[in-house]
C-alpha atoms as a PDB file:
ATOM      1  CA  MET A   1      -0.061  -0.016  -0.026  1.00  0.00           C
ATOM      2  CA  VAL A   2       1.447   3.444  -0.978  1.00  0.00           C
ATOM      3  CA  ILE A   3       0.824   6.238   1.359  1.00  0.00           C
ATOM      4  CA  ASN A   4       0.359   9.660  -0.212  1.00  0.00           C
ATOM      5  CA  LEU A   5       2.015  12.457   1.985  1.00  0.00           C
ATOM      6  CA  SER A   6      -0.953  14.777   1.451  1.00  0.00           C
ATOM      7  CA  ASP A   7      -3.261  12.223   2.936  1.00  0.00           C
ATOM      8  CA  LEU A   8      -1.139  12.128   6.196  1.00  0.00           C
ATOM      9  CA  LYS A   9      -2.582  14.046   9.205  1.00  0.00           C
ATOM     10  CA  PRO A  10      -0.276  16.975  10.380  1.00  0.00           C
ATOM     11  CA  ASP A  11       0.368  15.397  13.763  1.00  0.00           C
ATOM     12  CA  ILE A  12       2.009  12.289  12.252  1.00  0.00           C
ATOM     13  CA  LEU A  13       5.000  14.237  10.875  1.00  0.00           C
ATOM     14  CA  SER A  14       7.285  16.257  13.361  1.00  0.00           C
ATOM     15  CA  ASP A  15       8.287  19.754  12.777  1.00  0.00           C
ATOM     16  CA  GLU A  16      11.805  18.650  11.645  1.00  0.00           C
ATOM     17  CA  GLU A  17      10.279  16.191   9.144  1.00  0.00           C
ATOM     18  CA  LEU A  18       8.181  19.029   7.747  1.00  0.00           C
ATOM     19  CA  LEU A  19      11.163  21.218   7.557  1.00  0.00           C
ATOM     20  CA  GLU A  20      13.149  18.658   5.675  1.00  0.00           C
ATOM     21  CA  LEU A  21      10.258  17.976   3.248  1.00  0.00           C
ATOM     22  CA  GLY A  22       9.999  21.710   2.672  1.00  0.00           C
ATOM     23  CA  LYS A  23      13.695  21.750   1.864  1.00  0.00           C
ATOM     24  CA  ILE A  24      13.412  18.984  -0.617  1.00  0.00           C
ATOM     25  CA  ASN A  25      10.294  20.459  -2.352  1.00  0.00           C
ATOM     26  CA  SER A  26      11.605  24.050  -2.365  1.00  0.00           C
ATOM     27  CA  GLY A  27      12.700  23.685  -5.908  1.00  0.00           C
ATOM     28  CA  ARG A  28      15.976  25.473  -5.253  1.00  0.00           C
ATOM     29  CA  ASN A  29      19.213  24.163  -6.893  1.00  0.00           C
ATOM     30  CA  ALA A  30      21.714  22.906  -4.242  1.00  0.00           C
ATOM     31  CA  ILE A  31      24.583  24.816  -5.692  1.00  0.00           C
ATOM     32  CA  VAL A  32      22.567  28.048  -5.416  1.00  0.00           C
ATOM     33  CA  VAL A  33      21.647  27.275  -1.823  1.00  0.00           C
ATOM     34  CA  ARG A  34      25.379  26.456  -0.914  1.00  0.00           C
ATOM     35  CA  PHE A  35      26.435  29.569  -2.795  1.00  0.00           C
ATOM     36  CA  LEU A  36      24.098  32.026  -1.026  1.00  0.00           C
ATOM     37  CA  GLU A  37      24.963  30.484   2.476  1.00  0.00           C
ATOM     38  CA  GLN A  38      28.616  31.877   1.972  1.00  0.00           C
ATOM     39  CA  ASN A  39      29.651  35.394   2.917  1.00  0.00           C
ATOM     40  CA  LEU A  40      29.846  38.146   0.453  1.00  0.00           C
ATOM     41  CA  LYS A  41      33.574  38.057  -0.230  1.00  0.00           C
ATOM     42  CA  PHE A  42      33.340  34.304  -1.159  1.00  0.00           C
ATOM     43  CA  ARG A  43      30.383  35.079  -3.513  1.00  0.00           C
ATOM     44  CA  TYR A  44      32.274  37.860  -5.357  1.00  0.00           C
ATOM     45  CA  ALA A  45      35.440  35.901  -5.595  1.00  0.00           C
ATOM     46  CA  GLY A  46      33.394  32.882  -6.777  1.00  0.00           C
ATOM     47  CA  LEU A  47      31.670  34.891  -9.430  1.00  0.00           C
ATOM     48  CA  PHE A  48      34.895  36.240 -10.707  1.00  0.00           C
ATOM     49  CA  VAL A  49      36.500  32.759 -10.850  1.00  0.00           C
ATOM     50  CA  ALA A  50      33.357  31.432 -12.697  1.00  0.00           C
ATOM     51  CA  CYS A  51      33.472  34.342 -15.070  1.00  0.00           C
ATOM     52  CA  TYR A  52      37.055  33.859 -15.784  1.00  0.00           C
ATOM     53  CA  ALA A  53      36.706  30.085 -16.285  1.00  0.00           C
ATOM     54  CA  SER A  54      33.880  30.622 -18.630  1.00  0.00           C
ATOM     55  CA  ILE A  55      35.978  32.844 -20.617  1.00  0.00           C
ATOM     56  CA  LEU A  56      38.916  30.644 -20.633  1.00  0.00           C
ATOM     57  CA  PHE A  57      36.680  27.624 -21.530  1.00  0.00           C
ATOM     58  CA  ILE A  58      35.226  29.596 -24.573  1.00  0.00           C
ATOM     59  CA  ALA A  59      38.673  31.004 -25.705  1.00  0.00           C
ATOM     60  CA  SER A  60      40.524  27.739 -25.183  1.00  0.00           C
ATOM     61  CA  PRO A  61      39.946  26.365 -28.809  1.00  0.00           C
ATOM     62  CA  PHE A  62      41.504  29.624 -30.064  1.00  0.00           C
ATOM     63  CA  LEU A  63      44.447  29.620 -27.625  1.00  0.00           C
ATOM     64  CA  PHE A  64      46.139  26.950 -29.779  1.00  0.00           C
ATOM     65  CA  ASP A  65      45.644  28.218 -33.303  1.00  0.00           C
ATOM     66  CA  SER A  66      48.946  30.153 -33.195  1.00  0.00           C
ATOM     67  CA  GLU A  67      51.140  29.371 -36.148  1.00  0.00           C
ATOM     68  CA  ILE A  68      54.123  27.402 -35.067  1.00  0.00           C
ATOM     69  CA  SER A  69      56.705  26.279 -37.486  1.00  0.00           C
ATOM     70  CA  SER A  70      56.887  22.577 -37.608  1.00  0.00           C
ATOM     71  CA  THR A  71      60.787  22.729 -37.366  1.00  0.00           C
ATOM     72  CA  ASP A  72      60.611  24.764 -34.061  1.00  0.00           C
ATOM     73  CA  ILE A  73      60.868  21.849 -31.659  1.00  0.00           C
ATOM     74  CA  ILE A  74      60.968  24.050 -28.507  1.00  0.00           C
ATOM     75  CA  ALA A  75      57.966  26.049 -29.509  1.00  0.00           C
ATOM     76  CA  ASN A  76      56.013  22.791 -30.193  1.00  0.00           C
ATOM     77  CA  SER A  77      56.975  21.324 -26.937  1.00  0.00           C
ATOM     78  CA  TYR A  78      55.794  24.456 -25.164  1.00  0.00           C
ATOM     79  CA  HIS A  79      52.643  24.255 -27.093  1.00  0.00           C
ATOM     80  CA  GLU A  80      51.861  20.668 -26.093  1.00  0.00           C
ATOM     81  CA  LEU A  81      52.816  21.468 -22.410  1.00  0.00           C
ATOM     82  CA  PHE A  82      50.395  24.431 -22.283  1.00  0.00           C
ATOM     83  CA  ILE A  83      47.541  22.238 -23.684  1.00  0.00           C
ATOM     84  CA  ALA A  84      48.311  19.499 -21.090  1.00  0.00           C
ATOM     85  CA  ARG A  85      48.312  22.000 -18.265  1.00  0.00           C
ATOM     86  CA  LEU A  86      45.121  23.523 -19.439  1.00  0.00           C
ATOM     87  CA  LEU A  87      43.535  20.252 -19.254  1.00  0.00           C
ATOM     88  CA  ILE A  88      44.841  19.563 -15.736  1.00  0.00           C
ATOM     89  CA  VAL A  89      43.460  23.022 -14.611  1.00  0.00           C
ATOM     90  CA  PHE A  90      40.058  22.273 -16.214  1.00  0.00           C
ATOM     91  CA  MET A  91      39.843  18.926 -14.450  1.00  0.00           C
ATOM     92  CA  LEU A  92      40.847  20.386 -11.089  1.00  0.00           C
ATOM     93  CA  GLY A  93      38.271  23.187 -11.604  1.00  0.00           C
ATOM     94  CA  ALA A  94      35.568  20.610 -12.463  1.00  0.00           C
ATOM     95  CA  GLY A  95      36.517  18.672  -9.278  1.00  0.00           C
ATOM     96  CA  THR A  96      36.512  21.824  -7.311  1.00  0.00           C
ATOM     97  CA  LEU A  97      32.945  22.755  -8.452  1.00  0.00           C
ATOM     98  CA  ILE A  98      31.749  19.135  -8.002  1.00  0.00           C
ATOM     99  CA  SER A  99      33.200  19.064  -4.431  1.00  0.00           C
ATOM    100  CA  PHE A 100      31.511  22.414  -3.758  1.00  0.00           C
ATOM    101  CA  ILE A 101      28.142  20.945  -4.702  1.00  0.00           C
ATOM    102  CA  ASP A 102      28.639  17.902  -2.858  1.00  0.00           C
ATOM    103  CA  GLY A 103      29.911  19.638   0.186  1.00  0.00           C
ATOM    104  CA  ARG A 104      32.965  17.486   0.819  1.00  0.00           C
ATOM    105  CA  PHE A 105      36.671  17.935   0.128  1.00  0.00           C
ATOM    106  CA  PHE A 106      36.094  21.427  -1.273  1.00  0.00           C
ATOM    107  CA  LYS A 107      38.982  22.941   0.515  1.00  0.00           C
ATOM    108  CA  GLY A 108      41.325  20.059  -0.556  1.00  0.00           C
ATOM    109  CA  PHE A 109      40.417  20.502  -4.213  1.00  0.00           C
ATOM    110  CA  LEU A 110      40.700  24.200  -3.928  1.00  0.00           C
ATOM    111  CA  LEU A 111      44.045  24.028  -2.316  1.00  0.00           C
ATOM    112  CA  SER A 112      45.209  21.720  -5.141  1.00  0.00           C
ATOM    113  CA  LEU A 113      43.955  24.241  -7.636  1.00  0.00           C
ATOM    114  CA  ILE A 114      45.804  26.989  -5.905  1.00  0.00           C
ATOM    115  CA  ILE A 115      49.005  24.957  -5.767  1.00  0.00           C
ATOM    116  CA  VAL A 116      48.779  24.130  -9.469  1.00  0.00           C
ATOM    117  CA  VAL A 117      48.033  27.548 -10.557  1.00  0.00           C
ATOM    118  CA  GLY A 118      50.833  29.003  -8.494  1.00  0.00           C
ATOM    119  CA  ASN A 119      53.318  26.444  -9.863  1.00  0.00           C
ATOM    120  CA  TYR A 120      52.180  27.023 -13.506  1.00  0.00           C
ATOM    121  CA  SER A 121      52.382  30.826 -13.015  1.00  0.00           C
ATOM    122  CA  ILE A 122      55.978  30.638 -11.710  1.00  0.00           C
ATOM    123  CA  ASP A 123      57.198  28.356 -14.469  1.00  0.00           C
ATOM    124  CA  MET A 124      55.469  30.447 -16.986  1.00  0.00           C
ATOM    125  CA  PHE A 125      57.161  33.572 -15.688  1.00  0.00           C
ATOM    126  CA  TYR A 126      60.682  32.187 -15.483  1.00  0.00           C
ATOM    127  CA  PHE A 127      60.819  29.453 -18.218  1.00  0.00           C
ATOM    128  CA  TYR A 128      58.320  30.440 -20.879  1.00  0.00           C
ATOM    129  CA  HIS A 129      58.113  34.192 -20.758  1.00  0.00           C
ATOM    130  CA  GLU A 130      59.910  34.635 -24.055  1.00  0.00           C
ATOM    131  CA  TYR A 131      57.613  32.177 -25.856  1.00  0.00           C
ATOM    132  CA  LEU A 132      54.416  33.880 -24.367  1.00  0.00           C
ATOM    133  CA  THR A 133      55.585  37.236 -25.587  1.00  0.00           C
ATOM    134  CA  GLN A 134      55.651  35.927 -29.164  1.00  0.00           C
ATOM    135  CA  SER A 135      52.594  33.865 -29.016  1.00  0.00           C
ATOM    136  CA  ALA A 136      48.847  34.849 -29.461  1.00  0.00           C
ATOM    137  CA  VAL A 137      47.244  37.632 -27.602  1.00  0.00           C
ATOM    138  CA  ALA A 138      44.871  35.331 -25.682  1.00  0.00           C
ATOM    139  CA  PHE A 139      47.861  33.653 -24.161  1.00  0.00           C
ATOM    140  CA  GLU A 140      49.220  37.063 -22.921  1.00  0.00           C
ATOM    141  CA  PHE A 141      45.783  37.988 -21.566  1.00  0.00           C
ATOM    142  CA  PHE A 142      45.425  34.814 -19.488  1.00  0.00           C
ATOM    143  CA  TYR A 143      48.910  35.045 -18.422  1.00  0.00           C
ATOM    144  CA  TYR A 144      48.896  38.641 -17.115  1.00  0.00           C
ATOM    145  CA  THR A 145      45.498  38.258 -15.440  1.00  0.00           C
ATOM    146  CA  ARG A 146      46.483  35.053 -13.581  1.00  0.00           C
ATOM    147  CA  PRO A 147      47.499  36.893 -10.374  1.00  0.00           C
ATOM    148  CA  LEU A 148      44.002  38.099 -10.010  1.00  0.00           C
ATOM    149  CA  VAL A 149      42.625  34.517 -10.301  1.00  0.00           C
ATOM    150  CA  PHE A 150      45.284  33.393  -7.720  1.00  0.00           C
ATOM    151  CA  VAL A 151      44.026  36.217  -5.288  1.00  0.00           C
ATOM    152  CA  ALA A 152      40.423  35.265  -5.973  1.00  0.00           C
ATOM    153  CA  LEU A 153      41.173  31.547  -5.326  1.00  0.00           C
ATOM    154  CA  LEU A 154      42.871  32.394  -1.989  1.00  0.00           C
ATOM    155  CA  VAL A 155      39.772  34.546  -0.982  1.00  0.00           C
ATOM    156  CA  LEU A 156      37.623  31.508  -1.740  1.00  0.00           C
ATOM    157  CA  TYR A 157      39.896  29.346   0.457  1.00  0.00           C
ATOM    158  CA  PHE A 158      39.924  31.530   3.339  1.00  0.00           C
ATOM    159  CA  ASN A 159      36.139  32.618   3.287  1.00  0.00           C
ATOM    160  CA  TYR A 160      34.685  29.250   2.809  1.00  0.00           C
ATOM    161  CA  ASN A 161      32.153  28.333   5.622  1.00  0.00           C
ATOM    162  CA  LYS A 162      31.229  24.834   5.541  1.00  0.00           C
ATOM    163  CA  SER A 163      27.615  24.608   6.625  1.00  0.00           C
END
């Protein structure tokens, strides 16, 4: 026999159960609820990182259309390295988003993303700076705006309130 919840008398369900049923049926998305539970600094930094990631995702096919001579082995290896690093950052970003929705291991994924972005930024500055100045404008844009993303990720890390 199937019991319809609307047929139950109000005294059968406790106040906590009614509250939980209200949360389930509220129709609000879990990510929106978790995001709105955070403080204002976290939300602004999160929106900045989300916009930056969206622009990077949209522009990523155009990042690698730069004309590289097939005889330039060093430029080709840099090109392949940047593609691999971009894929790693995308995967860590997706893991961070999924862990934020799930509510577990968010700070761990975020710390991994901060470490990877920091290491990649230092490498790019010291080892690949000459190649970046000769490559596409999109590379330079993402290269010079990376400190802003790094600061936003740190703001996310230190202002995250696990509810």
